[in-house]
Amino acid sequence: MVMSQNLLTEVESKELLKKAGIPVVEAKLARSKKEAIAISREMGFPVVLKISSTDVVHKSDSGGVKLGLANAAQVGKSYSQIISSVKQAYPEARIDGVSVQTMAPPGVEVIVGMSKDAQFGPVLMFGLGGILVEVLKDVSFRIVPVTERDAREMIKEIKGYPVLQGYRGQKPASIPALEQLIVKVSQFVEKNPQIKELDLNPIFAYPDKAVAVDARIILE
């Protein structure tokens, strides 16, 4: 996939990840309100709409995300609101359209990321996800390639590990599913040295699986 810009959209990022066997919540691009409604009906409600633009870094802050849309009328209204909010916040932004995806049930939020270190090359990161990653900075690191054993250690190293085990009646996250996901991301990064940065945040971890809800890839 040849891109004019180094930042891939969420739809493009997820396509690549899916091909690599990394579980993602599939996202489809809608270039019009009519298309957004058609895709939503095809996927099944409730859905999430997100702005699709490589020029918009903070989607939520600019009104570029709408969650839990239950019918066609809500999707149509939200599509218009997203486009106008983002145009106001980023007047110069090139907007591709809006990505549509099914609303995943909430799970334990974790992050898997990769950045390149000048000395060590690709380094993988794991931690609690969502906004918590910025607040707590509770993360662990390993140099690629990462084995299953490395992945297990990464998961157990974070202070938030009890949250993954099912803290205070919360459902536990599947540690084997998270291990597999980390190893697959490591393999994906190894096979694609042109990737400069990668962020899967949040990943929703459930008792039986883990799936990336949002994804971002930056190429060299």
N, C-alpha and C. Protein backbone atom coordinates (compact mmCIF):
# COMPACT_ATOMS: atom_id res chain seq x y z
N MET A 1 0.85 -1.20 0.00
CA MET A 1 0.00 0.00 0.00
C MET A 1 0.89 1.25 0.00
N VAL A 2 0.82 2.04 -1.05
CA VAL A 2 1.65 3.24 -1.14
C VAL A 2 0.85 4.43 -0.65
N MET A 3 1.42 5.13 0.32
CA MET A 3 0.72 6.28 0.89
C MET A 3 1.47 7.56 0.58
N SER A 4 0.72 8.63 0.32
CA SER A 4 1.35 9.92 0.09
C SER A 4 1.88 10.49 1.40
N GLN A 5 1.19 10.13 2.50
CA GLN A 5 1.63 10.59 3.81
C GLN A 5 2.11 9.40 4.61
N ASN A 6 2.87 9.67 5.68
CA ASN A 6 3.44 8.58 6.47
C ASN A 6 2.46 7.99 7.48
N LEU A 7 1.42 8.75 7.79
CA LEU A 7 0.44 8.25 8.75
C LEU A 7 -0.71 7.56 8.01
N LEU A 8 -0.94 6.30 8.36
CA LEU A 8 -2.06 5.57 7.75
C LEU A 8 -3.34 5.89 8.51
N THR A 9 -4.46 5.87 7.82
CA THR A 9 -5.74 6.07 8.50
C THR A 9 -6.07 4.82 9.31
N GLU A 10 -7.06 4.94 10.18
CA GLU A 10 -7.48 3.79 10.99
C GLU A 10 -7.92 2.63 10.09
N VAL A 11 -8.68 2.93 9.04
CA VAL A 11 -9.18 1.89 8.13
C VAL A 11 -8.00 1.16 7.47
N GLU A 12 -7.01 1.92 6.99
CA GLU A 12 -5.82 1.32 6.35
C GLU A 12 -5.00 0.52 7.35
N SER A 13 -4.81 1.09 8.55
CA SER A 13 -4.03 0.40 9.59
C SER A 13 -4.66 -0.93 9.94
N LYS A 14 -5.99 -0.92 10.12
CA LYS A 14 -6.69 -2.15 10.51
C LYS A 14 -6.68 -3.20 9.41
N GLU A 15 -6.70 -2.76 8.16
CA GLU A 15 -6.64 -3.71 7.04
C GLU A 15 -5.32 -4.49 7.09
N LEU A 16 -4.23 -3.77 7.32
CA LEU A 16 -2.91 -4.41 7.38
C LEU A 16 -2.81 -5.35 8.58
N LEU A 17 -3.31 -4.90 9.73
CA LEU A 17 -3.25 -5.71 10.95
C LEU A 17 -4.08 -6.99 10.80
N LYS A 18 -5.26 -6.84 10.20
CA LYS A 18 -6.15 -7.99 10.00
C LYS A 18 -5.48 -9.04 9.12
N LYS A 19 -4.80 -8.59 8.05
CA LYS A 19 -4.09 -9.51 7.16
C LYS A 19 -2.99 -10.25 7.90
N ALA A 20 -2.42 -9.60 8.93
CA ALA A 20 -1.34 -10.22 9.72
C ALA A 20 -1.88 -11.11 10.83
N GLY A 21 -3.21 -11.28 10.90
CA GLY A 21 -3.81 -12.16 11.89
C GLY A 21 -3.98 -11.53 13.26
N ILE A 22 -3.88 -10.20 13.31
CA ILE A 22 -4.07 -9.48 14.58
C ILE A 22 -5.55 -9.10 14.69
N PRO A 23 -6.23 -9.52 15.77
CA PRO A 23 -7.67 -9.26 15.86
C PRO A 23 -8.01 -7.78 16.03
N VAL A 24 -8.83 -7.28 15.14
CA VAL A 24 -9.26 -5.87 15.18
C VAL A 24 -10.77 -5.78 15.01
N VAL A 25 -11.36 -4.70 15.51
CA VAL A 25 -12.76 -4.40 15.19
C VAL A 25 -12.72 -3.71 13.83
N GLU A 26 -13.27 -4.39 12.82
CA GLU A 26 -13.17 -3.90 11.45
C GLU A 26 -13.81 -2.52 11.29
N ALA A 27 -13.15 -1.67 10.53
CA ALA A 27 -13.67 -0.32 10.25
C ALA A 27 -13.79 -0.14 8.74
N LYS A 28 -14.89 0.49 8.31
CA LYS A 28 -15.08 0.77 6.87
C LYS A 28 -15.23 2.27 6.67
N LEU A 29 -14.70 2.76 5.56
CA LEU A 29 -14.75 4.19 5.28
C LEU A 29 -16.05 4.58 4.58
N ALA A 30 -16.70 5.60 5.12
CA ALA A 30 -17.90 6.18 4.48
C ALA A 30 -17.55 7.59 4.03
N ARG A 31 -17.78 7.88 2.76
CA ARG A 31 -17.44 9.20 2.22
C ARG A 31 -18.65 10.14 2.17
N SER A 32 -19.81 9.61 2.58
CA SER A 32 -21.02 10.44 2.62
C SER A 32 -21.93 9.93 3.73
N LYS A 33 -22.91 10.76 4.06
CA LYS A 33 -23.90 10.40 5.08
C LYS A 33 -24.66 9.13 4.65
N LYS A 34 -25.03 9.10 3.37
CA LYS A 34 -25.78 7.96 2.83
C LYS A 34 -24.97 6.66 2.97
N GLU A 35 -23.68 6.76 2.65
CA GLU A 35 -22.79 5.59 2.73
C GLU A 35 -22.62 5.14 4.19
N ALA A 36 -22.52 6.10 5.11
CA ALA A 36 -22.37 5.78 6.54
C ALA A 36 -23.59 5.00 7.04
N ILE A 37 -24.77 5.42 6.60
CA ILE A 37 -26.01 4.74 7.00
C ILE A 37 -26.06 3.32 6.42
N ALA A 38 -25.67 3.20 5.15
CA ALA A 38 -25.69 1.88 4.48
C ALA A 38 -24.72 0.91 5.17
N ILE A 39 -23.51 1.38 5.48
CA ILE A 39 -22.50 0.52 6.15
C ILE A 39 -22.98 0.13 7.54
N SER A 40 -23.58 1.10 8.25
CA SER A 40 -24.09 0.82 9.61
C SER A 40 -25.15 -0.27 9.60
N ARG A 41 -26.05 -0.18 8.63
CA ARG A 41 -27.12 -1.19 8.51
C ARG A 41 -26.53 -2.57 8.22
N GLU A 42 -25.51 -2.57 7.37
CA GLU A 42 -24.84 -3.82 6.98
C GLU A 42 -24.12 -4.44 8.19
N MET A 43 -23.45 -3.60 8.98
CA MET A 43 -22.70 -4.08 10.15
C MET A 43 -23.61 -4.46 11.31
N GLY A 44 -24.69 -3.72 11.45
CA GLY A 44 -25.60 -3.93 12.58
C GLY A 44 -25.35 -2.94 13.69
N PHE A 45 -26.42 -2.35 14.20
CA PHE A 45 -26.32 -1.36 15.27
C PHE A 45 -26.08 -2.05 16.61
N PRO A 46 -25.52 -1.36 17.61
CA PRO A 46 -25.02 0.02 17.59
C PRO A 46 -23.64 0.12 16.90
N VAL A 47 -23.35 1.33 16.39
CA VAL A 47 -22.07 1.56 15.71
C VAL A 47 -21.35 2.77 16.29
N VAL A 48 -20.09 2.88 15.89
CA VAL A 48 -19.24 4.02 16.27
C VAL A 48 -18.82 4.71 14.99
N LEU A 49 -18.87 6.05 14.97
CA LEU A 49 -18.34 6.82 13.84
C LEU A 49 -17.11 7.59 14.30
N LYS A 50 -16.08 7.61 13.47
CA LYS A 50 -14.86 8.36 13.78
C LYS A 50 -14.38 9.09 12.54
N ILE A 51 -13.88 10.28 12.72
CA ILE A 51 -13.34 11.04 11.59
C ILE A 51 -12.17 10.27 10.99
N SER A 52 -12.08 10.28 9.66
CA SER A 52 -10.95 9.64 8.98
C SER A 52 -10.14 10.72 8.27
N SER A 53 -9.04 11.10 8.92
CA SER A 53 -8.16 12.13 8.36
C SER A 53 -6.77 11.97 8.96
N THR A 54 -5.77 11.95 8.11
CA THR A 54 -4.40 11.84 8.62
C THR A 54 -3.93 13.16 9.24
N ASP A 55 -4.70 14.22 9.06
CA ASP A 55 -4.33 15.53 9.63
C ASP A 55 -4.93 15.75 11.02
N VAL A 56 -5.82 14.87 11.45
CA VAL A 56 -6.47 15.03 12.76
C VAL A 56 -5.86 14.03 13.74
N VAL A 57 -5.11 14.56 14.70
CA VAL A 57 -4.42 13.69 15.65
C VAL A 57 -5.35 13.28 16.79
N HIS A 58 -5.99 14.27 17.43
CA HIS A 58 -6.87 13.97 18.57
C HIS A 58 -8.33 13.98 18.11
N LYS A 59 -8.80 12.79 17.73
CA LYS A 59 -10.15 12.68 17.17
C LYS A 59 -11.23 13.09 18.15
N SER A 60 -11.15 12.59 19.39
CA SER A 60 -12.20 12.85 20.38
C SER A 60 -12.26 14.32 20.75
N ASP A 61 -11.08 14.93 20.96
CA ASP A 61 -11.02 16.33 21.40
C ASP A 61 -11.65 17.29 20.40
N SER A 62 -11.64 16.90 19.12
CA SER A 62 -12.19 17.80 18.09
C SER A 62 -13.62 17.43 17.70
N GLY A 63 -14.28 16.59 18.51
CA GLY A 63 -15.66 16.18 18.21
C GLY A 63 -15.75 15.20 17.08
N GLY A 64 -14.65 14.47 16.84
CA GLY A 64 -14.59 13.55 15.70
C GLY A 64 -15.00 12.13 15.99
N VAL A 65 -15.57 11.87 17.17
CA VAL A 65 -15.98 10.50 17.53
C VAL A 65 -17.39 10.51 18.11
N LYS A 66 -18.23 9.59 17.64
CA LYS A 66 -19.58 9.42 18.19
C LYS A 66 -19.80 7.93 18.48
N LEU A 67 -20.17 7.63 19.72
CA LEU A 67 -20.29 6.24 20.17
C LEU A 67 -21.75 5.79 20.32
N GLY A 68 -21.96 4.49 20.21
CA GLY A 68 -23.26 3.88 20.54
C GLY A 68 -24.45 4.39 19.75
N LEU A 69 -24.26 4.57 18.44
CA LEU A 69 -25.36 5.07 17.60
C LEU A 69 -26.30 3.92 17.26
N ALA A 70 -27.56 4.07 17.63
CA ALA A 70 -28.50 2.94 17.63
C ALA A 70 -29.36 2.80 16.38
N ASN A 71 -29.39 3.82 15.51
CA ASN A 71 -30.23 3.72 14.31
C ASN A 71 -29.72 4.65 13.21
N ALA A 72 -30.36 4.54 12.04
CA ALA A 72 -29.93 5.29 10.86
C ALA A 72 -30.00 6.80 11.08
N ALA A 73 -31.05 7.26 11.75
CA ALA A 73 -31.21 8.71 11.99
C ALA A 73 -30.04 9.26 12.82
N GLN A 74 -29.65 8.51 13.86
CA GLN A 74 -28.52 8.94 14.70
C GLN A 74 -27.22 8.96 13.92
N VAL A 75 -27.04 7.97 13.04
CA VAL A 75 -25.82 7.90 12.22
C VAL A 75 -25.75 9.10 11.28
N GLY A 76 -26.86 9.40 10.61
CA GLY A 76 -26.90 10.54 9.69
C GLY A 76 -26.58 11.85 10.38
N LYS A 77 -27.21 12.07 11.51
CA LYS A 77 -27.01 13.30 12.29
C LYS A 77 -25.55 13.39 12.77
N SER A 78 -25.03 12.27 13.28
CA SER A 78 -23.67 12.24 13.81
C SER A 78 -22.63 12.47 12.73
N TYR A 79 -22.88 11.93 11.52
CA TYR A 79 -21.96 12.12 10.40
C TYR A 79 -21.78 13.63 10.14
N SER A 80 -22.90 14.35 10.05
CA SER A 80 -22.86 15.80 9.79
C SER A 80 -22.15 16.54 10.92
N GLN A 81 -22.46 16.15 12.17
CA GLN A 81 -21.85 16.82 13.33
C GLN A 81 -20.33 16.63 13.35
N ILE A 82 -19.89 15.41 13.05
CA ILE A 82 -18.45 15.10 13.05
C ILE A 82 -17.73 15.96 12.01
N ILE A 83 -18.25 15.98 10.79
CA ILE A 83 -17.61 16.74 9.71
C ILE A 83 -17.52 18.22 10.08
N SER A 84 -18.62 18.79 10.58
CA SER A 84 -18.60 20.24 10.88
C SER A 84 -17.71 20.55 12.08
N SER A 85 -17.71 19.70 13.12
CA SER A 85 -16.85 19.93 14.30
C SER A 85 -15.37 19.90 13.93
N VAL A 86 -15.01 18.90 13.12
CA VAL A 86 -13.60 18.74 12.75
C VAL A 86 -13.15 19.88 11.83
N LYS A 87 -14.04 20.29 10.93
CA LYS A 87 -13.68 21.41 10.03
C LYS A 87 -13.44 22.69 10.83
N GLN A 88 -14.19 22.83 11.93
CA GLN A 88 -14.03 24.00 12.79
C GLN A 88 -12.69 23.92 13.55
N ALA A 89 -12.38 22.73 14.06
CA ALA A 89 -11.16 22.54 14.85
C ALA A 89 -9.90 22.51 13.98
N TYR A 90 -10.04 21.90 12.80
CA TYR A 90 -8.89 21.76 11.88
C TYR A 90 -9.30 22.28 10.50
N PRO A 91 -9.34 23.59 10.30
CA PRO A 91 -9.83 24.14 9.02
C PRO A 91 -9.02 23.67 7.80
N GLU A 92 -7.74 23.35 8.02
CA GLU A 92 -6.87 22.97 6.90
C GLU A 92 -6.87 21.45 6.65
N ALA A 93 -7.52 20.68 7.50
CA ALA A 93 -7.43 19.22 7.42
C ALA A 93 -8.04 18.65 6.14
N ARG A 94 -7.37 17.64 5.60
CA ARG A 94 -7.90 16.89 4.45
C ARG A 94 -8.72 15.74 5.03
N ILE A 95 -10.02 15.75 4.78
CA ILE A 95 -10.92 14.76 5.38
C ILE A 95 -11.29 13.71 4.33
N ASP A 96 -11.01 12.43 4.65
CA ASP A 96 -11.35 11.33 3.74
C ASP A 96 -12.83 10.96 3.86
N GLY A 97 -13.37 11.13 5.06
CA GLY A 97 -14.74 10.74 5.34
C GLY A 97 -14.83 10.34 6.80
N VAL A 98 -15.64 9.35 7.09
CA VAL A 98 -15.83 8.90 8.47
C VAL A 98 -15.73 7.37 8.48
N SER A 99 -15.00 6.83 9.46
CA SER A 99 -14.93 5.37 9.56
C SER A 99 -16.10 4.87 10.41
N VAL A 100 -16.64 3.74 10.00
CA VAL A 100 -17.79 3.13 10.70
C VAL A 100 -17.35 1.78 11.24
N GLN A 101 -17.64 1.51 12.51
CA GLN A 101 -17.36 0.19 13.06
C GLN A 101 -18.42 -0.18 14.08
N THR A 102 -18.58 -1.48 14.32
CA THR A 102 -19.55 -1.90 15.33
C THR A 102 -19.05 -1.50 16.71
N MET A 103 -19.97 -1.22 17.60
CA MET A 103 -19.64 -0.82 18.97
C MET A 103 -19.28 -2.09 19.75
N ALA A 104 -18.01 -2.23 20.08
CA ALA A 104 -17.57 -3.43 20.81
C ALA A 104 -18.00 -3.32 22.27
N PRO A 105 -18.43 -4.45 22.87
CA PRO A 105 -18.78 -4.38 24.30
C PRO A 105 -17.55 -4.02 25.12
N PRO A 106 -17.71 -3.27 26.22
CA PRO A 106 -16.53 -2.86 26.99
C PRO A 106 -15.78 -4.04 27.57
N GLY A 107 -14.46 -3.92 27.60
CA GLY A 107 -13.59 -4.93 28.20
C GLY A 107 -12.53 -4.21 29.00
N VAL A 108 -11.55 -4.94 29.50
CA VAL A 108 -10.41 -4.30 30.18
C VAL A 108 -9.58 -3.63 29.08
N GLU A 109 -9.28 -2.34 29.23
CA GLU A 109 -8.57 -1.60 28.18
C GLU A 109 -7.06 -1.70 28.37
N VAL A 110 -6.37 -2.21 27.34
CA VAL A 110 -4.91 -2.26 27.35
C VAL A 110 -4.37 -1.63 26.07
N ILE A 111 -3.06 -1.39 26.06
CA ILE A 111 -2.40 -0.82 24.89
C ILE A 111 -1.21 -1.69 24.50
N VAL A 112 -1.00 -1.86 23.21
CA VAL A 112 0.24 -2.43 22.68
C VAL A 112 0.77 -1.41 21.68
N GLY A 113 2.01 -1.02 21.86
CA GLY A 113 2.60 -0.01 20.97
C GLY A 113 4.00 -0.41 20.54
N MET A 114 4.49 0.24 19.50
CA MET A 114 5.86 0.01 19.05
C MET A 114 6.45 1.33 18.61
N SER A 115 7.69 1.56 19.04
CA SER A 115 8.43 2.71 18.52
C SER A 115 9.86 2.26 18.26
N LYS A 116 10.58 3.03 17.45
CA LYS A 116 11.94 2.63 17.10
C LYS A 116 12.96 3.38 17.95
N ASP A 117 13.84 2.61 18.58
CA ASP A 117 14.91 3.17 19.37
C ASP A 117 16.16 3.25 18.48
N ALA A 118 16.88 4.38 18.57
CA ALA A 118 18.06 4.58 17.72
C ALA A 118 19.10 3.47 17.91
N GLN A 119 19.20 2.95 19.12
CA GLN A 119 20.20 1.93 19.44
C GLN A 119 19.69 0.50 19.25
N PHE A 120 18.46 0.24 19.75
CA PHE A 120 17.97 -1.13 19.79
C PHE A 120 17.00 -1.50 18.67
N GLY A 121 16.56 -0.52 17.90
CA GLY A 121 15.58 -0.81 16.85
C GLY A 121 14.18 -0.85 17.41
N PRO A 122 13.27 -1.68 16.83
CA PRO A 122 11.87 -1.70 17.28
C PRO A 122 11.73 -2.20 18.72
N VAL A 123 11.01 -1.43 19.52
CA VAL A 123 10.76 -1.78 20.92
C VAL A 123 9.24 -1.84 21.13
N LEU A 124 8.77 -2.94 21.72
CA LEU A 124 7.34 -3.13 21.97
C LEU A 124 6.98 -2.67 23.38
N MET A 125 5.79 -2.10 23.50
CA MET A 125 5.31 -1.61 24.80
C MET A 125 3.96 -2.24 25.10
N PHE A 126 3.72 -2.54 26.39
CA PHE A 126 2.42 -3.04 26.83
C PHE A 126 2.02 -2.32 28.11
N GLY A 127 0.72 -2.04 28.26
CA GLY A 127 0.25 -1.42 29.51
C GLY A 127 -1.26 -1.33 29.54
N LEU A 128 -1.78 -0.75 30.60
CA LEU A 128 -3.22 -0.47 30.66
C LEU A 128 -3.51 0.63 29.66
N GLY A 129 -4.64 0.51 28.95
CA GLY A 129 -4.90 1.41 27.82
C GLY A 129 -5.90 2.51 28.10
N GLY A 130 -6.46 3.03 27.00
CA GLY A 130 -7.39 4.17 27.10
C GLY A 130 -6.63 5.40 27.55
N ILE A 131 -7.30 6.25 28.31
CA ILE A 131 -6.63 7.47 28.80
C ILE A 131 -5.69 7.14 29.95
N LEU A 132 -5.85 5.96 30.55
CA LEU A 132 -5.01 5.58 31.69
C LEU A 132 -3.53 5.56 31.34
N VAL A 133 -3.21 5.22 30.08
CA VAL A 133 -1.81 5.11 29.70
C VAL A 133 -1.08 6.45 29.86
N GLU A 134 -1.79 7.56 29.56
CA GLU A 134 -1.18 8.89 29.69
C GLU A 134 -1.08 9.31 31.16
N VAL A 135 -2.08 8.89 31.96
CA VAL A 135 -2.12 9.30 33.36
C VAL A 135 -1.15 8.48 34.21
N LEU A 136 -1.22 7.15 34.07
CA LEU A 136 -0.45 6.26 34.95
C LEU A 136 0.94 5.93 34.43
N LYS A 137 1.10 5.95 33.10
CA LYS A 137 2.37 5.54 32.48
C LYS A 137 2.87 4.20 33.04
N ASP A 138 1.92 3.29 33.22
CA ASP A 138 2.21 1.96 33.77
C ASP A 138 2.42 1.00 32.61
N VAL A 139 3.66 0.96 32.10
CA VAL A 139 3.95 0.17 30.90
C VAL A 139 5.23 -0.65 31.06
N SER A 140 5.34 -1.69 30.22
CA SER A 140 6.57 -2.50 30.19
C SER A 140 7.07 -2.54 28.75
N PHE A 141 8.36 -2.80 28.58
CA PHE A 141 8.99 -2.77 27.25
C PHE A 141 9.81 -4.03 26.98
N ARG A 142 9.89 -4.42 25.70
CA ARG A 142 10.79 -5.48 25.25
C ARG A 142 11.27 -5.14 23.84
N ILE A 143 12.49 -5.56 23.54
CA ILE A 143 13.03 -5.38 22.20
C ILE A 143 12.47 -6.49 21.30
N VAL A 144 12.08 -6.13 20.09
CA VAL A 144 11.59 -7.09 19.09
C VAL A 144 12.77 -7.93 18.60
N PRO A 145 12.66 -9.27 18.39
CA PRO A 145 11.45 -10.07 18.46
C PRO A 145 11.06 -10.46 19.90
N VAL A 146 9.75 -10.56 20.12
CA VAL A 146 9.21 -10.90 21.44
C VAL A 146 8.64 -12.32 21.40
N THR A 147 9.10 -13.16 22.32
CA THR A 147 8.60 -14.54 22.41
C THR A 147 7.36 -14.57 23.31
N GLU A 148 6.70 -15.74 23.36
CA GLU A 148 5.53 -15.89 24.25
C GLU A 148 5.92 -15.66 25.71
N ARG A 149 7.10 -16.15 26.07
CA ARG A 149 7.59 -15.98 27.44
C ARG A 149 7.81 -14.49 27.75
N ASP A 150 8.43 -13.77 26.78
CA ASP A 150 8.63 -12.32 26.94
C ASP A 150 7.29 -11.61 27.13
N ALA A 151 6.31 -12.01 26.29
CA ALA A 151 4.99 -11.38 26.34
C ALA A 151 4.34 -11.59 27.70
N ARG A 152 4.47 -12.83 28.23
CA ARG A 152 3.90 -13.15 29.55
C ARG A 152 4.53 -12.27 30.63
N GLU A 153 5.86 -12.11 30.54
CA GLU A 153 6.59 -11.27 31.52
C GLU A 153 6.16 -9.81 31.41
N MET A 154 6.00 -9.33 30.17
CA MET A 154 5.56 -7.94 29.95
C MET A 154 4.23 -7.66 30.64
N ILE A 155 3.32 -8.63 30.49
CA ILE A 155 1.97 -8.49 31.06
C ILE A 155 2.04 -8.47 32.58
N LYS A 156 2.84 -9.38 33.15
CA LYS A 156 2.91 -9.51 34.61
C LYS A 156 3.69 -8.38 35.27
N GLU A 157 4.53 -7.70 34.50
CA GLU A 157 5.38 -6.64 35.06
C GLU A 157 4.63 -5.36 35.43
N ILE A 158 3.53 -5.09 34.74
CA ILE A 158 2.85 -3.80 35.01
C ILE A 158 2.17 -3.82 36.38
N LYS A 159 2.12 -2.67 36.99
CA LYS A 159 1.49 -2.56 38.32
C LYS A 159 -0.01 -2.88 38.26
N GLY A 160 -0.60 -2.64 37.10
CA GLY A 160 -2.04 -2.88 36.92
C GLY A 160 -2.40 -4.33 36.64
N TYR A 161 -1.44 -5.25 36.78
CA TYR A 161 -1.70 -6.66 36.49
C TYR A 161 -2.93 -7.21 37.23
N PRO A 162 -3.15 -6.85 38.51
CA PRO A 162 -4.36 -7.35 39.20
C PRO A 162 -5.67 -6.99 38.48
N VAL A 163 -5.68 -5.86 37.77
CA VAL A 163 -6.87 -5.45 37.00
C VAL A 163 -7.17 -6.50 35.93
N LEU A 164 -6.11 -7.03 35.30
CA LEU A 164 -6.27 -8.04 34.26
C LEU A 164 -6.75 -9.38 34.82
N GLN A 165 -6.48 -9.59 36.10
CA GLN A 165 -6.87 -10.87 36.73
C GLN A 165 -8.32 -10.87 37.22
N GLY A 166 -8.97 -9.73 37.10
CA GLY A 166 -10.37 -9.65 37.53
C GLY A 166 -10.47 -9.02 38.90
N TYR A 167 -10.17 -7.73 38.95
CA TYR A 167 -10.14 -6.99 40.21
C TYR A 167 -11.55 -6.64 40.67
N ARG A 168 -11.85 -6.91 41.94
CA ARG A 168 -13.15 -6.55 42.56
C ARG A 168 -14.36 -6.93 41.72
N GLY A 169 -14.39 -8.18 41.34
CA GLY A 169 -15.58 -8.67 40.63
C GLY A 169 -15.63 -8.35 39.15
N GLN A 170 -14.63 -7.61 38.67
CA GLN A 170 -14.57 -7.36 37.23
C GLN A 170 -14.19 -8.65 36.52
N LYS A 171 -14.66 -8.83 35.28
CA LYS A 171 -14.29 -10.05 34.55
C LYS A 171 -12.80 -10.00 34.21
N PRO A 172 -12.10 -11.14 34.37
CA PRO A 172 -10.67 -11.14 34.05
C PRO A 172 -10.43 -11.08 32.54
N ALA A 173 -9.23 -10.66 32.18
CA ALA A 173 -8.83 -10.65 30.77
C ALA A 173 -8.11 -11.96 30.47
N SER A 174 -8.23 -12.43 29.24
CA SER A 174 -7.52 -13.65 28.83
C SER A 174 -6.04 -13.33 28.64
N ILE A 175 -5.21 -13.81 29.55
CA ILE A 175 -3.76 -13.57 29.44
C ILE A 175 -3.19 -14.27 28.20
N PRO A 176 -3.59 -15.54 27.92
CA PRO A 176 -3.10 -16.18 26.69
C PRO A 176 -3.44 -15.40 25.41
N ALA A 177 -4.65 -14.82 25.36
CA ALA A 177 -5.04 -14.03 24.17
C ALA A 177 -4.16 -12.80 24.03
N LEU A 178 -3.84 -12.16 25.17
CA LEU A 178 -2.97 -10.98 25.14
C LEU A 178 -1.54 -11.36 24.73
N GLU A 179 -1.07 -12.49 25.24
CA GLU A 179 0.28 -12.98 24.85
C GLU A 179 0.35 -13.17 23.35
N GLN A 180 -0.67 -13.85 22.79
CA GLN A 180 -0.72 -14.12 21.34
C GLN A 180 -0.71 -12.82 20.54
N LEU A 181 -1.50 -11.86 21.01
CA LEU A 181 -1.61 -10.58 20.31
C LEU A 181 -0.26 -9.86 20.30
N ILE A 182 0.43 -9.85 21.45
CA ILE A 182 1.74 -9.19 21.54
C ILE A 182 2.75 -9.86 20.60
N VAL A 183 2.76 -11.19 20.60
CA VAL A 183 3.69 -11.94 19.73
C VAL A 183 3.38 -11.65 18.25
N LYS A 184 2.10 -11.61 17.90
CA LYS A 184 1.72 -11.33 16.50
C LYS A 184 2.12 -9.92 16.08
N VAL A 185 1.99 -8.96 17.00
CA VAL A 185 2.42 -7.58 16.69
C VAL A 185 3.94 -7.57 16.48
N SER A 186 4.67 -8.29 17.31
CA SER A 186 6.13 -8.39 17.18
C SER A 186 6.51 -8.95 15.80
N GLN A 187 5.83 -10.01 15.40
CA GLN A 187 6.10 -10.63 14.08
C GLN A 187 5.76 -9.68 12.94
N PHE A 188 4.65 -8.97 13.09
CA PHE A 188 4.20 -8.00 12.08
C PHE A 188 5.24 -6.89 11.90
N VAL A 189 5.76 -6.40 13.03
CA VAL A 189 6.76 -5.32 13.00
C VAL A 189 8.06 -5.82 12.35
N GLU A 190 8.44 -7.07 12.69
CA GLU A 190 9.66 -7.66 12.11
C GLU A 190 9.57 -7.77 10.59
N LYS A 191 8.38 -8.18 10.12
CA LYS A 191 8.20 -8.39 8.67
C LYS A 191 8.05 -7.07 7.91
N ASN A 192 7.74 -5.99 8.63
CA ASN A 192 7.50 -4.68 7.98
C ASN A 192 8.40 -3.61 8.58
N PRO A 193 9.71 -3.65 8.20
CA PRO A 193 10.66 -2.70 8.80
C PRO A 193 10.38 -1.23 8.47
N GLN A 194 9.46 -1.00 7.50
CA GLN A 194 9.12 0.39 7.15
C GLN A 194 8.21 1.04 8.19
N ILE A 195 7.72 0.26 9.17
CA ILE A 195 6.85 0.82 10.20
C ILE A 195 7.70 1.53 11.25
N LYS A 196 7.40 2.80 11.46
CA LYS A 196 8.15 3.63 12.40
C LYS A 196 7.50 3.60 13.79
N GLU A 197 6.16 3.68 13.79
CA GLU A 197 5.42 3.67 15.06
C GLU A 197 4.11 2.92 14.86
N LEU A 198 3.63 2.33 15.95
CA LEU A 198 2.37 1.60 15.90
C LEU A 198 1.69 1.74 17.25
N ASP A 199 0.40 1.96 17.23
CA ASP A 199 -0.38 2.08 18.47
C ASP A 199 -1.68 1.32 18.34
N LEU A 200 -1.91 0.37 19.20
CA LEU A 200 -3.22 -0.27 19.30
C LEU A 200 -3.77 0.15 20.66
N ASN A 201 -4.64 1.14 20.64
CA ASN A 201 -5.16 1.70 21.90
C ASN A 201 -6.53 2.35 21.68
N PRO A 202 -7.56 1.81 22.36
CA PRO A 202 -7.47 0.67 23.28
C PRO A 202 -7.62 -0.67 22.57
N ILE A 203 -7.09 -1.69 23.24
CA ILE A 203 -7.43 -3.09 22.94
C ILE A 203 -8.40 -3.48 24.05
N PHE A 204 -9.54 -4.04 23.69
CA PHE A 204 -10.47 -4.55 24.70
C PHE A 204 -10.12 -6.01 24.97
N ALA A 205 -9.78 -6.31 26.23
CA ALA A 205 -9.45 -7.68 26.62
C ALA A 205 -10.65 -8.29 27.35
N TYR A 206 -11.07 -9.43 26.88
CA TYR A 206 -12.22 -10.16 27.44
C TYR A 206 -11.74 -11.47 28.07
N PRO A 207 -12.61 -12.21 28.76
CA PRO A 207 -12.21 -13.49 29.35
C PRO A 207 -11.76 -14.53 28.31
N ASP A 208 -12.21 -14.37 27.05
CA ASP A 208 -11.90 -15.39 26.02
C ASP A 208 -11.11 -14.86 24.82
N LYS A 209 -10.91 -13.55 24.73
CA LYS A 209 -10.22 -12.99 23.55
C LYS A 209 -9.77 -11.56 23.83
N ALA A 210 -9.02 -11.00 22.88
CA ALA A 210 -8.62 -9.59 22.94
C ALA A 210 -8.69 -9.02 21.53
N VAL A 211 -9.22 -7.81 21.40
CA VAL A 211 -9.42 -7.22 20.07
C VAL A 211 -9.09 -5.73 20.09
N ALA A 212 -8.35 -5.28 19.06
CA ALA A 212 -7.97 -3.87 18.96
C ALA A 212 -9.14 -3.05 18.44
N VAL A 213 -9.55 -2.04 19.22
CA VAL A 213 -10.68 -1.19 18.85
C VAL A 213 -10.20 -0.01 18.01
N ASP A 214 -9.02 0.49 18.31
CA ASP A 214 -8.45 1.60 17.53
C ASP A 214 -7.01 1.26 17.18
N ALA A 215 -6.54 1.73 16.02
CA ALA A 215 -5.20 1.41 15.56
C ALA A 215 -4.62 2.57 14.76
N ARG A 216 -3.30 2.73 14.92
CA ARG A 216 -2.61 3.81 14.21
C ARG A 216 -1.23 3.30 13.81
N ILE A 217 -0.88 3.47 12.55
CA ILE A 217 0.43 3.07 12.06
C ILE A 217 1.08 4.27 11.37
N ILE A 218 2.35 4.51 11.71
CA ILE A 218 3.13 5.55 11.04
C ILE A 218 4.30 4.87 10.32
N LEU A 219 4.46 5.17 9.03
CA LEU A 219 5.55 4.61 8.25
C LEU A 219 6.76 5.55 8.28
N GLU A 220 7.94 4.98 7.99
CA GLU A 220 9.18 5.78 7.92
C GLU A 220 9.02 6.85 6.85
